[in-house]
Amino acid sequence: NGIVRAPIHTLINGMNVFSFAISRPPKSIESFLADYNLDRNVDIDYFLIHQANKMIVDRIVKKLKLSQEKVPYNLEEFGNLGGASIPSLMVSRLRDELMTKECSLLMSSFGLGLTWGTMLMKTKPMIVNELIVMD
């Protein structure tokens, strides 16, 4: 197409990345739930999904048939925070719960390198600092 790229340049096929993001994380979560015999409605308090964009998160929630109340969201406030998107959900949306009760958090993240991971974190009441937003 006339565009010359050096070996150090990265070319991202957006549709392939989108397809990956709406298919691999749901499969990973389903597999995790099955492997550990977890009921999404009983055993998991919150699903913390990497916040790349709203369309991806909405598709994942729909595919997994998750209750919106169990999937906190803060992309409209912060945008895509990359690797900090899940910790930012904990601080901005779950702070009170994390400070006062035990929680089961199923976390799933994915990245442009077509990598993904899913994990479960069971918490006890903890100290969670307030989010400091710099203007």
C-alpha atoms as a PDB file:
ATOM      1  CA  ASN A   1       0.000   0.000   0.000  1.00  0.00           C
ATOM      2  CA  GLY A   2       3.021   2.272  -0.325  1.00  0.00           C
ATOM      3  CA  ILE A   3       3.677   2.632   3.390  1.00  0.00           C
ATOM      4  CA  VAL A   4       7.235   1.722   4.312  1.00  0.00           C
ATOM      5  CA  ARG A   5       7.852   0.513   7.853  1.00  0.00           C
ATOM      6  CA  ALA A   6      11.039  -0.196   9.690  1.00  0.00           C
ATOM      7  CA  PRO A   7      11.365  -3.399  11.749  1.00  0.00           C
ATOM      8  CA  ILE A   8      10.892  -1.344  14.935  1.00  0.00           C
ATOM      9  CA  HIS A   9       7.410  -0.168  13.889  1.00  0.00           C
ATOM     10  CA  THR A  10       4.371  -2.045  15.064  1.00  0.00           C
ATOM     11  CA  LEU A  11       1.341  -2.621  12.907  1.00  0.00           C
ATOM     12  CA  ILE A  12      -1.897  -3.334  14.759  1.00  0.00           C
ATOM     13  CA  ASN A  13      -4.825  -4.908  12.952  1.00  0.00           C
ATOM     14  CA  GLY A  14      -7.660  -3.339  14.938  1.00  0.00           C
ATOM     15  CA  MET A  15     -10.346  -5.823  13.896  1.00  0.00           C
ATOM     16  CA  ASN A  16      -8.179  -8.801  14.872  1.00  0.00           C
ATOM     17  CA  VAL A  17      -7.449  -7.229  18.254  1.00  0.00           C
ATOM     18  CA  PHE A  18     -11.153  -6.482  18.785  1.00  0.00           C
ATOM     19  CA  SER A  19     -12.106 -10.031  17.816  1.00  0.00           C
ATOM     20  CA  PHE A  20      -9.510 -11.406  20.237  1.00  0.00           C
ATOM     21  CA  ALA A  21     -10.686  -9.089  23.048  1.00  0.00           C
ATOM     22  CA  ILE A  22     -14.322 -10.168  22.811  1.00  0.00           C
ATOM     23  CA  SER A  23     -13.599 -13.886  22.429  1.00  0.00           C
ATOM     24  CA  ARG A  24     -10.532 -14.933  24.457  1.00  0.00           C
ATOM     25  CA  PRO A  25     -11.347 -13.315  27.853  1.00  0.00           C
ATOM     26  CA  PRO A  26     -14.875 -14.806  28.012  1.00  0.00           C
ATOM     27  CA  LYS A  27     -13.452 -18.252  27.177  1.00  0.00           C
ATOM     28  CA  SER A  28     -10.764 -17.791  29.808  1.00  0.00           C
ATOM     29  CA  ILE A  29     -13.324 -16.782  32.435  1.00  0.00           C
ATOM     30  CA  GLU A  30     -15.668 -19.662  31.559  1.00  0.00           C
ATOM     31  CA  SER A  31     -12.776 -22.117  31.726  1.00  0.00           C
ATOM     32  CA  PHE A  32     -11.612 -20.694  35.067  1.00  0.00           C
ATOM     33  CA  LEU A  33     -15.099 -20.967  36.572  1.00  0.00           C
ATOM     34  CA  ALA A  34     -15.434 -24.560  35.339  1.00  0.00           C
ATOM     35  CA  ASP A  35     -11.922 -25.620  36.422  1.00  0.00           C
ATOM     36  CA  TYR A  36     -12.503 -24.396  39.983  1.00  0.00           C
ATOM     37  CA  ASN A  37     -16.197 -25.329  40.140  1.00  0.00           C
ATOM     38  CA  LEU A  38     -17.281 -21.731  40.808  1.00  0.00           C
ATOM     39  CA  ASP A  39     -20.797 -20.401  40.366  1.00  0.00           C
ATOM     40  CA  ARG A  40     -20.666 -16.900  38.839  1.00  0.00           C
ATOM     41  CA  ASN A  41     -23.801 -15.857  40.709  1.00  0.00           C
ATOM     42  CA  VAL A  42     -22.887 -17.227  44.151  1.00  0.00           C
ATOM     43  CA  ASP A  43     -19.100 -17.501  44.473  1.00  0.00           C
ATOM     44  CA  ILE A  44     -18.004 -14.256  42.808  1.00  0.00           C
ATOM     45  CA  ASP A  45     -18.825 -10.846  44.256  1.00  0.00           C
ATOM     46  CA  TYR A  46     -17.344  -8.809  41.389  1.00  0.00           C
ATOM     47  CA  PHE A  47     -15.878  -9.398  37.955  1.00  0.00           C
ATOM     48  CA  LEU A  48     -13.093  -6.905  37.302  1.00  0.00           C
ATOM     49  CA  ILE A  49     -12.494  -6.794  33.556  1.00  0.00           C
ATOM     50  CA  HIS A  50      -9.716  -4.787  31.934  1.00  0.00           C
ATOM     51  CA  GLN A  51     -11.271  -1.577  30.682  1.00  0.00           C
ATOM     52  CA  ALA A  52     -10.016  -1.180  27.108  1.00  0.00           C
ATOM     53  CA  ASN A  53     -13.224   0.327  25.762  1.00  0.00           C
ATOM     54  CA  LYS A  54     -16.922   0.181  26.600  1.00  0.00           C
ATOM     55  CA  MET A  55     -17.920  -1.877  23.573  1.00  0.00           C
ATOM     56  CA  ILE A  56     -15.463  -4.637  24.517  1.00  0.00           C
ATOM     57  CA  VAL A  57     -16.532  -4.698  28.165  1.00  0.00           C
ATOM     58  CA  ASP A  58     -20.220  -4.727  27.189  1.00  0.00           C
ATOM     59  CA  ARG A  59     -19.659  -7.627  24.767  1.00  0.00           C
ATOM     60  CA  ILE A  60     -17.798  -9.642  27.418  1.00  0.00           C
ATOM     61  CA  VAL A  61     -20.550  -9.004  29.986  1.00  0.00           C
ATOM     62  CA  LYS A  62     -23.215 -10.046  27.467  1.00  0.00           C
ATOM     63  CA  LYS A  63     -21.354 -13.198  26.368  1.00  0.00           C
ATOM     64  CA  LEU A  64     -20.887 -14.281  29.982  1.00  0.00           C
ATOM     65  CA  LYS A  65     -24.442 -13.305  30.962  1.00  0.00           C
ATOM     66  CA  LEU A  66     -23.131 -11.323  33.937  1.00  0.00           C
ATOM     67  CA  SER A  67     -25.191  -8.997  36.071  1.00  0.00           C
ATOM     68  CA  GLN A  68     -24.150  -5.375  35.441  1.00  0.00           C
ATOM     69  CA  GLU A  69     -24.062  -4.847  39.219  1.00  0.00           C
ATOM     70  CA  LYS A  70     -21.195  -7.344  39.428  1.00  0.00           C
ATOM     71  CA  VAL A  71     -19.071  -5.618  36.787  1.00  0.00           C
ATOM     72  CA  PRO A  72     -17.885  -2.210  38.005  1.00  0.00           C
ATOM     73  CA  TYR A  73     -16.942   0.258  35.315  1.00  0.00           C
ATOM     74  CA  ASN A  74     -14.958   3.500  35.353  1.00  0.00           C
ATOM     75  CA  LEU A  75     -13.750   3.979  31.788  1.00  0.00           C
ATOM     76  CA  GLU A  76     -15.867   7.117  31.387  1.00  0.00           C
ATOM     77  CA  GLU A  77     -13.837   8.766  34.154  1.00  0.00           C
ATOM     78  CA  PHE A  78     -10.309   7.644  33.336  1.00  0.00           C
ATOM     79  CA  GLY A  79     -10.105   6.182  29.842  1.00  0.00           C
ATOM     80  CA  ASN A  80      -7.948   3.141  29.107  1.00  0.00           C
ATOM     81  CA  LEU A  81      -5.437   2.944  31.943  1.00  0.00           C
ATOM     82  CA  GLY A  82      -3.708  -0.120  30.557  1.00  0.00           C
ATOM     83  CA  GLY A  83      -2.375  -2.325  33.334  1.00  0.00           C
ATOM     84  CA  ALA A  84      -3.840  -0.031  35.992  1.00  0.00           C
ATOM     85  CA  SER A  85      -7.459  -0.468  34.905  1.00  0.00           C
ATOM     86  CA  ILE A  86      -8.270  -3.264  37.374  1.00  0.00           C
ATOM     87  CA  PRO A  87      -6.545  -1.672  40.397  1.00  0.00           C
ATOM     88  CA  SER A  88      -8.317   1.596  39.550  1.00  0.00           C
ATOM     89  CA  LEU A  89     -11.670  -0.223  39.726  1.00  0.00           C
ATOM     90  CA  MET A  90     -10.764  -1.477  43.187  1.00  0.00           C
ATOM     91  CA  VAL A  91      -9.934   2.014  44.421  1.00  0.00           C
ATOM     92  CA  SER A  92     -12.632   4.008  42.613  1.00  0.00           C
ATOM     93  CA  ARG A  93     -15.606   1.622  42.669  1.00  0.00           C
ATOM     94  CA  LEU A  94     -15.050  -0.983  45.398  1.00  0.00           C
ATOM     95  CA  ARG A  95     -13.192   0.930  48.097  1.00  0.00           C
ATOM     96  CA  ASP A  96     -15.966   0.781  50.726  1.00  0.00           C
ATOM     97  CA  GLU A  97     -16.630  -2.941  50.189  1.00  0.00           C
ATOM     98  CA  LEU A  98     -12.930  -3.814  50.240  1.00  0.00           C
ATOM     99  CA  MET A  99     -12.467  -1.921  53.495  1.00  0.00           C
ATOM    100  CA  THR A 100     -15.425  -3.444  55.316  1.00  0.00           C
ATOM    101  CA  LYS A 101     -15.997  -7.020  54.162  1.00  0.00           C
ATOM    102  CA  GLU A 102     -14.538 -10.099  52.527  1.00  0.00           C
ATOM    103  CA  CYS A 103     -14.829 -10.130  48.744  1.00  0.00           C
ATOM    104  CA  SER A 104     -14.228 -12.605  45.932  1.00  0.00           C
ATOM    105  CA  LEU A 105     -12.938 -10.777  42.876  1.00  0.00           C
ATOM    106  CA  LEU A 106     -12.545 -12.536  39.550  1.00  0.00           C
ATOM    107  CA  MET A 107     -10.163 -10.479  37.439  1.00  0.00           C
ATOM    108  CA  SER A 108      -9.540 -10.843  33.730  1.00  0.00           C
ATOM    109  CA  SER A 109      -7.212  -8.782  31.610  1.00  0.00           C
ATOM    110  CA  PHE A 110      -5.981  -8.851  28.025  1.00  0.00           C
ATOM    111  CA  GLY A 111      -3.499  -6.898  25.971  1.00  0.00           C
ATOM    112  CA  LEU A 112      -2.377  -5.951  22.487  1.00  0.00           C
ATOM    113  CA  GLY A 113       0.245  -8.667  22.516  1.00  0.00           C
ATOM    114  CA  LEU A 114      -2.749 -11.008  22.339  1.00  0.00           C
ATOM    115  CA  THR A 115      -2.072 -12.096  25.885  1.00  0.00           C
ATOM    116  CA  TRP A 116      -4.633 -12.670  28.601  1.00  0.00           C
ATOM    117  CA  GLY A 117      -4.964 -13.776  32.179  1.00  0.00           C
ATOM    118  CA  THR A 118      -7.742 -14.588  34.630  1.00  0.00           C
ATOM    119  CA  MET A 119      -7.409 -14.926  38.389  1.00  0.00           C
ATOM    120  CA  LEU A 120      -9.458 -15.017  41.569  1.00  0.00           C
ATOM    121  CA  MET A 121      -8.561 -12.894  44.563  1.00  0.00           C
ATOM    122  CA  LYS A 122     -10.274 -13.429  47.901  1.00  0.00           C
ATOM    123  CA  THR A 123      -9.852 -10.447  50.173  1.00  0.00           C
ATOM    124  CA  LYS A 124     -10.348  -9.691  53.828  1.00  0.00           C
ATOM    125  CA  PRO A 125     -11.128  -6.133  54.965  1.00  0.00           C
ATOM    126  CA  MET A 126      -8.152  -3.995  54.007  1.00  0.00           C
ATOM    127  CA  ILE A 127      -6.925  -0.453  53.994  1.00  0.00           C
ATOM    128  CA  VAL A 128      -7.566   1.215  50.644  1.00  0.00           C
ATOM    129  CA  ASN A 129      -6.252   4.722  50.160  1.00  0.00           C
ATOM    130  CA  GLU A 130      -8.437   7.314  48.543  1.00  0.00           C
ATOM    131  CA  LEU A 131      -7.893   7.845  44.846  1.00  0.00           C
ATOM    132  CA  ILE A 132      -5.912  11.006  44.197  1.00  0.00           C
ATOM    133  CA  VAL A 133      -6.674  12.577  40.835  1.00  0.00           C
ATOM    134  CA  MET A 134      -4.225  15.186  39.606  1.00  0.00           C
ATOM    135  CA  ASP A 135      -5.506  17.878  37.260  1.00  0.00           C
END
